[in-house]
Amino acid sequence: MTNNSFLGRLFDGCNYVFLTLLGIATLLPFVYVVVSSFSNSTDLIPTSFSFDAYAYIFSTATFPRSMLVSVYITIVGTAIHLVLASLMAYALSHTALPGRSIIMLLVVFTMIFNGGMIPTYFVVEGVGLTDTLWALMIPNALSAFNLIILKSFFQSIPNELKESAKMDGAHEIRVLTQIVLPLSLPALAALGLFHAVGLWNQYFNAILYINDSSKWPVQVLLRQVVILSQGAVGESGGEVASDSVMLSQGIKMAVIVVSIVPIMLVYPFLQKHFAKGVLLGSVKG
């Protein structure tokens, strides 16, 4: 209901001003990065315009290779996450599942407590995942938070649909793949995007588990670019170190822009599912 009183209009006006300033403050750093990538300078208003920075980063094999690594771990890692989360959430959505409450208690326990970085590293090393791309996808393949939301979403689907399918001879896998999952696309899209963004921005795990520079995702390459531009790296830069003489402010900004463009292009196609996919599952949780 609209409040047409003086205080109501004043409150709405203050809200508009505050949100406008907040939007500008949020957008300004991104504009600065984009402008700097085309000007090779630190000025907000560019004094020159050139594509040299973009031509340079695409002229070497290092950046396209890191982009392919990031795309690979994002797509494969998200697919693994959705498969594991769907299977476990579907099983836990059955209230008659033996030991369901104990399993849920263990799931919640992992949200509060974990083994820590060093034990996790020993586990990854012990199973032979070190210096492989699987080390970036398997350790965090299943999120307890996403699992609980997806379980709640599955529980919101009427049992009559599942029971009627079973009466027609459908087994559990067919009920899951042909009834439950198609009705859960909003939740799968939202949670898949959450996980994909996390994989795309993965940085610390790559430094911890990946020693081969040819397997670095783009976020680690960006770190090397920043370090090299400051002249604070020795031989650890590998192939990137040989290109350090060409590093500039524009190249750093161009790498940032190109690294965030793919994930920004995906967002508009999935944004419409967020309200239904996330809020419905959380409310019923």
Protein backbone atom coordinates (compact mmCIF):
# COMPACT_ATOMS: atom_id res chain seq x y z
CA MET A 1 0.00 0.00 0.00
CA THR A 2 1.38 3.41 -0.98
CA ASN A 3 1.83 5.99 1.80
CA ASN A 4 1.05 9.45 0.32
CA SER A 5 1.68 11.42 3.52
CA PHE A 6 4.56 13.90 3.72
CA LEU A 7 6.63 11.61 5.95
CA GLY A 8 5.91 8.69 3.66
CA ARG A 9 7.09 10.56 0.56
CA LEU A 10 10.13 11.86 2.47
CA PHE A 11 10.99 8.32 3.54
CA ASP A 12 10.62 7.05 -0.03
CA GLY A 13 12.77 9.91 -1.33
CA CYS A 14 15.52 9.18 1.18
CA ASN A 15 15.39 5.52 0.20
CA TYR A 16 15.77 6.39 -3.50
CA VAL A 17 18.74 8.67 -2.76
CA PHE A 18 20.40 6.11 -0.51
CA LEU A 19 19.93 3.25 -2.95
CA THR A 20 21.14 5.40 -5.85
CA LEU A 21 24.32 6.34 -3.98
CA LEU A 22 24.81 2.71 -2.95
CA GLY A 23 24.41 1.60 -6.57
CA ILE A 24 26.94 4.17 -7.77
CA ALA A 25 29.42 3.15 -5.06
CA THR A 26 29.00 -0.49 -6.09
CA LEU A 27 29.31 0.20 -9.80
CA LEU A 28 32.18 2.68 -9.67
CA PRO A 29 35.00 0.14 -8.99
CA PHE A 30 33.83 -2.00 -11.90
CA VAL A 31 33.71 1.04 -14.21
CA TYR A 32 37.22 1.96 -13.09
CA VAL A 33 38.51 -1.53 -13.95
CA VAL A 34 36.86 -1.53 -17.39
CA VAL A 35 38.08 1.98 -18.23
CA SER A 36 41.61 1.24 -17.08
CA SER A 37 41.72 -1.91 -19.21
CA PHE A 38 41.28 0.25 -22.32
CA SER A 39 43.59 3.10 -21.36
CA ASN A 40 46.68 1.62 -19.70
CA SER A 41 46.44 4.33 -17.08
CA THR A 42 45.10 4.80 -13.57
CA ASP A 43 42.86 7.75 -14.50
CA LEU A 44 39.09 7.30 -14.20
CA ILE A 45 38.63 9.36 -17.37
CA PRO A 46 40.87 7.76 -20.04
CA THR A 47 43.28 9.97 -21.93
CA SER A 48 43.84 7.30 -24.60
CA PHE A 49 41.98 4.31 -25.95
CA SER A 50 43.52 1.07 -27.09
CA PHE A 51 42.94 -2.69 -27.27
CA ASP A 52 46.64 -3.41 -26.68
CA ALA A 53 46.05 -5.02 -23.28
CA TYR A 54 43.41 -7.41 -24.67
CA ALA A 55 45.54 -8.15 -27.74
CA TYR A 56 48.45 -9.04 -25.47
CA ILE A 57 46.62 -11.40 -23.09
CA PHE A 58 45.08 -13.30 -26.01
CA SER A 59 48.38 -13.41 -27.94
CA THR A 60 49.94 -15.73 -25.33
CA ALA A 61 48.93 -19.30 -24.57
CA THR A 62 48.92 -18.72 -20.83
CA PHE A 63 45.67 -16.82 -20.43
CA PRO A 64 43.48 -18.87 -22.86
CA ARG A 65 44.77 -22.06 -21.21
CA SER A 66 43.87 -20.79 -17.74
CA MET A 67 40.44 -19.76 -19.00
CA LEU A 68 39.88 -23.28 -20.35
CA VAL A 69 40.93 -24.74 -16.99
CA SER A 70 38.46 -22.47 -15.16
CA VAL A 71 35.66 -23.32 -17.60
CA TYR A 72 36.39 -27.05 -17.25
CA ILE A 73 36.42 -27.15 -13.45
CA THR A 74 33.33 -24.91 -13.32
CA ILE A 75 31.22 -27.05 -15.67
CA VAL A 76 32.40 -30.48 -14.48
CA GLY A 77 32.50 -29.47 -10.80
CA THR A 78 28.98 -28.02 -10.95
CA ALA A 79 27.66 -31.14 -12.67
CA ILE A 80 29.24 -33.37 -10.00
CA HIS A 81 27.80 -31.17 -7.26
CA LEU A 82 24.27 -31.26 -8.67
CA VAL A 83 24.34 -35.03 -9.19
CA LEU A 84 25.57 -35.75 -5.66
CA ALA A 85 23.26 -33.18 -4.05
CA SER A 86 20.23 -34.44 -6.00
CA LEU A 87 20.81 -38.09 -5.11
CA MET A 88 21.37 -37.42 -1.41
CA ALA A 89 18.62 -34.81 -1.13
CA TYR A 90 16.11 -37.14 -2.78
CA ALA A 91 16.94 -39.93 -0.35
CA LEU A 92 16.71 -37.58 2.64
CA SER A 93 13.41 -36.15 1.43
CA HIS A 94 11.78 -39.50 2.26
CA THR A 95 10.60 -39.19 5.85
CA ALA A 96 10.50 -42.99 6.17
CA LEU A 97 14.22 -43.37 5.39
CA PRO A 98 15.87 -45.36 8.25
CA GLY A 99 18.45 -43.25 10.12
CA ARG A 100 17.33 -40.06 8.34
CA SER A 101 17.51 -37.89 11.48
CA ILE A 102 21.03 -39.14 12.29
CA ILE A 103 22.24 -38.46 8.74
CA MET A 104 20.75 -34.95 8.85
CA LEU A 105 22.44 -34.36 12.19
CA LEU A 106 25.79 -35.34 10.67
CA VAL A 107 25.15 -33.05 7.69
CA VAL A 108 24.42 -30.09 9.97
CA PHE A 109 27.48 -30.98 12.07
CA THR A 110 29.72 -30.48 9.05
CA MET A 111 28.31 -26.96 8.61
CA ILE A 112 29.58 -26.02 12.06
CA PHE A 113 32.76 -28.08 12.43
CA ASN A 114 35.35 -29.31 9.93
CA GLY A 115 38.76 -30.94 10.00
CA GLY A 116 40.63 -27.78 9.04
CA MET A 117 43.04 -26.96 6.24
CA ILE A 118 45.97 -29.23 7.16
CA PRO A 119 43.96 -32.47 7.66
CA THR A 120 42.08 -31.72 4.44
CA TYR A 121 45.36 -31.26 2.58
CA PHE A 122 46.67 -34.61 3.89
CA VAL A 123 43.47 -36.32 2.78
CA VAL A 124 43.71 -34.80 -0.71
CA GLU A 125 47.37 -35.77 -0.93
CA GLY A 126 46.71 -39.24 0.46
CA VAL A 127 44.14 -40.11 -2.20
CA GLY A 128 46.43 -38.87 -4.97
CA LEU A 129 44.49 -35.78 -6.03
CA THR A 130 47.37 -33.34 -5.54
CA ASP A 131 48.39 -31.52 -8.73
CA THR A 132 45.26 -32.70 -10.54
CA LEU A 133 42.17 -30.71 -11.45
CA TRP A 134 40.08 -33.16 -9.40
CA ALA A 135 41.60 -31.55 -6.30
CA LEU A 136 39.65 -28.40 -7.18
CA MET A 137 36.33 -30.20 -7.68
CA ILE A 138 36.08 -33.24 -5.38
CA PRO A 139 36.87 -31.87 -1.85
CA ASN A 140 33.99 -29.37 -2.01
CA ALA A 141 31.73 -31.36 -4.32
CA LEU A 142 28.85 -31.50 -1.84
CA SER A 143 27.68 -28.45 0.10
CA ALA A 144 25.66 -29.14 3.25
CA PHE A 145 23.84 -25.81 2.89
CA ASN A 146 22.78 -26.51 -0.69
CA LEU A 147 21.85 -30.07 0.24
CA ILE A 148 19.43 -28.90 2.94
CA ILE A 149 17.80 -26.38 0.59
CA LEU A 150 17.42 -28.97 -2.17
CA LYS A 151 16.00 -31.54 0.26
CA SER A 152 13.41 -29.03 1.41
CA PHE A 153 12.52 -28.25 -2.20
CA PHE A 154 12.08 -31.94 -2.98
CA GLN A 155 9.81 -32.30 0.06
CA SER A 156 7.61 -29.49 -1.25
CA ILE A 157 6.68 -31.61 -4.28
CA PRO A 158 3.36 -33.40 -3.62
CA ASN A 159 3.81 -37.02 -2.66
CA GLU A 160 0.77 -37.90 -4.78
CA LEU A 161 2.85 -37.36 -7.92
CA LYS A 162 5.55 -39.74 -6.74
CA GLU A 163 3.08 -42.34 -5.49
CA SER A 164 1.09 -42.33 -8.73
CA ALA A 165 4.29 -42.84 -10.72
CA LYS A 166 5.27 -45.76 -8.49
CA MET A 167 1.80 -47.29 -8.92
CA ASP A 168 2.44 -47.19 -12.68
CA GLY A 169 5.65 -49.18 -12.18
CA ALA A 170 8.27 -46.41 -12.00
CA HIS A 171 11.24 -47.11 -9.74
CA GLU A 172 12.97 -44.50 -7.58
CA ILE A 173 15.55 -43.45 -10.21
CA ARG A 174 12.82 -42.85 -12.77
CA VAL A 175 10.72 -40.89 -10.28
CA LEU A 176 13.77 -38.74 -9.50
CA THR A 177 14.85 -38.10 -13.09
CA GLN A 178 11.46 -37.76 -14.78
CA ILE A 179 9.29 -36.17 -12.08
CA VAL A 180 11.27 -34.64 -9.21
CA LEU A 181 14.19 -33.08 -11.10
CA PRO A 182 12.09 -31.45 -13.87
CA LEU A 183 9.89 -29.86 -11.18
CA SER A 184 12.99 -28.70 -9.28
CA LEU A 185 14.72 -26.80 -12.08
CA PRO A 186 14.47 -23.43 -10.26
CA ALA A 187 16.29 -24.82 -7.22
CA LEU A 188 18.84 -26.68 -9.34
CA ALA A 189 19.52 -23.56 -11.41
CA ALA A 190 19.98 -21.32 -8.38
CA LEU A 191 22.16 -23.74 -6.41
CA GLY A 192 24.12 -24.65 -9.53
CA LEU A 193 24.93 -21.00 -10.13
CA PHE A 194 26.01 -20.55 -6.50
CA HIS A 195 28.39 -23.49 -6.78
CA ALA A 196 29.60 -22.46 -10.24
CA VAL A 197 30.52 -18.97 -9.03
CA GLY A 198 32.47 -20.52 -6.17
CA LEU A 199 34.37 -22.80 -8.54
CA TRP A 200 35.03 -20.00 -11.01
CA ASN A 201 36.45 -17.77 -8.29
CA GLN A 202 38.43 -20.63 -6.78
CA TYR A 203 41.80 -19.33 -5.74
CA PHE A 204 43.15 -20.65 -2.45
CA ASN A 205 42.61 -24.36 -3.18
CA ALA A 206 44.41 -23.98 -6.51
CA ILE A 207 47.43 -22.45 -4.78
CA LEU A 208 47.34 -25.18 -2.13
CA TYR A 209 46.93 -28.23 -4.37
CA ILE A 210 48.22 -27.27 -7.85
CA ASN A 211 51.96 -26.94 -8.48
CA ASP A 212 51.92 -27.28 -12.27
CA SER A 213 51.42 -23.76 -13.71
CA SER A 214 49.74 -25.23 -16.81
CA LYS A 215 46.83 -26.27 -14.56
CA TRP A 216 46.30 -22.92 -12.91
CA PRO A 217 42.77 -21.48 -13.13
CA VAL A 218 42.42 -17.89 -14.24
CA GLN A 219 42.17 -16.52 -10.70
CA VAL A 220 45.64 -17.86 -9.83
CA LEU A 221 47.00 -16.48 -13.10
CA LEU A 222 45.55 -13.11 -12.18
CA ARG A 223 47.38 -13.30 -8.86
CA GLN A 224 50.63 -14.01 -10.69
CA VAL A 225 50.03 -11.07 -13.01
CA VAL A 226 49.54 -8.74 -10.05
CA ILE A 227 52.64 -10.06 -8.27
CA LEU A 228 54.78 -9.86 -11.40
CA SER A 229 53.68 -6.30 -12.05
CA GLN A 230 54.99 -5.43 -8.60
CA GLY A 231 58.31 -7.16 -9.31
CA ALA A 232 57.91 -9.44 -6.31
CA VAL A 233 58.25 -12.85 -7.87
CA GLY A 234 61.21 -14.92 -8.80
CA GLU A 235 61.29 -18.07 -10.88
CA SER A 236 57.97 -19.34 -9.51
CA GLY A 237 56.05 -17.44 -12.14
CA GLY A 238 56.99 -20.01 -14.81
CA GLU A 239 55.77 -19.07 -18.26
CA VAL A 240 54.17 -15.93 -16.92
CA ALA A 241 57.51 -14.64 -15.62
CA SER A 242 58.95 -14.43 -19.12
CA ASP A 243 56.20 -12.01 -20.04
CA SER A 244 56.70 -9.71 -17.06
CA VAL A 245 58.35 -7.00 -19.14
CA MET A 246 55.04 -6.41 -20.92
CA LEU A 247 52.91 -6.19 -17.82
CA SER A 248 51.10 -2.95 -17.24
CA GLN A 249 48.09 -1.56 -15.45
CA GLY A 250 45.97 -2.11 -18.55
CA ILE A 251 46.89 -5.78 -18.78
CA LYS A 252 45.99 -6.38 -15.14
CA MET A 253 42.61 -4.72 -15.62
CA ALA A 254 42.00 -6.55 -18.90
CA VAL A 255 42.61 -9.91 -17.20
CA ILE A 256 40.11 -8.97 -14.47
CA VAL A 257 37.48 -7.95 -17.02
CA VAL A 258 37.86 -11.03 -19.19
CA SER A 259 37.86 -13.35 -16.18
CA ILE A 260 34.50 -12.08 -14.87
CA VAL A 261 32.68 -11.78 -18.20
CA PRO A 262 31.80 -15.51 -18.63
CA ILE A 263 30.14 -15.84 -15.22
CA MET A 264 28.30 -12.53 -15.74
CA LEU A 265 26.89 -13.79 -19.04
CA VAL A 266 25.43 -16.86 -17.31
CA TYR A 267 23.77 -14.92 -14.49
CA PRO A 268 20.87 -13.26 -16.43
CA PHE A 269 19.64 -16.66 -17.66
CA LEU A 270 19.40 -18.05 -14.11
CA GLN A 271 18.50 -14.95 -12.10
CA LYS A 272 14.74 -15.43 -12.63
CA HIS A 273 14.92 -18.73 -10.72
CA PHE A 274 16.51 -17.30 -7.57
CA ALA A 275 13.39 -16.22 -5.65
CA LYS A 276 11.50 -19.45 -6.23
CA GLY A 277 14.50 -21.76 -6.15
CA VAL A 278 16.12 -20.53 -2.95
CA LEU A 279 13.39 -18.92 -0.86
CA LEU A 280 10.84 -21.72 -1.26
CA GLY A 281 13.34 -24.34 -0.15
CA SER A 282 14.61 -22.29 2.79
CA VAL A 283 11.11 -21.42 4.08
CA LYS A 284 10.03 -25.01 4.13
CA GLY A 285 13.33 -26.17 5.65
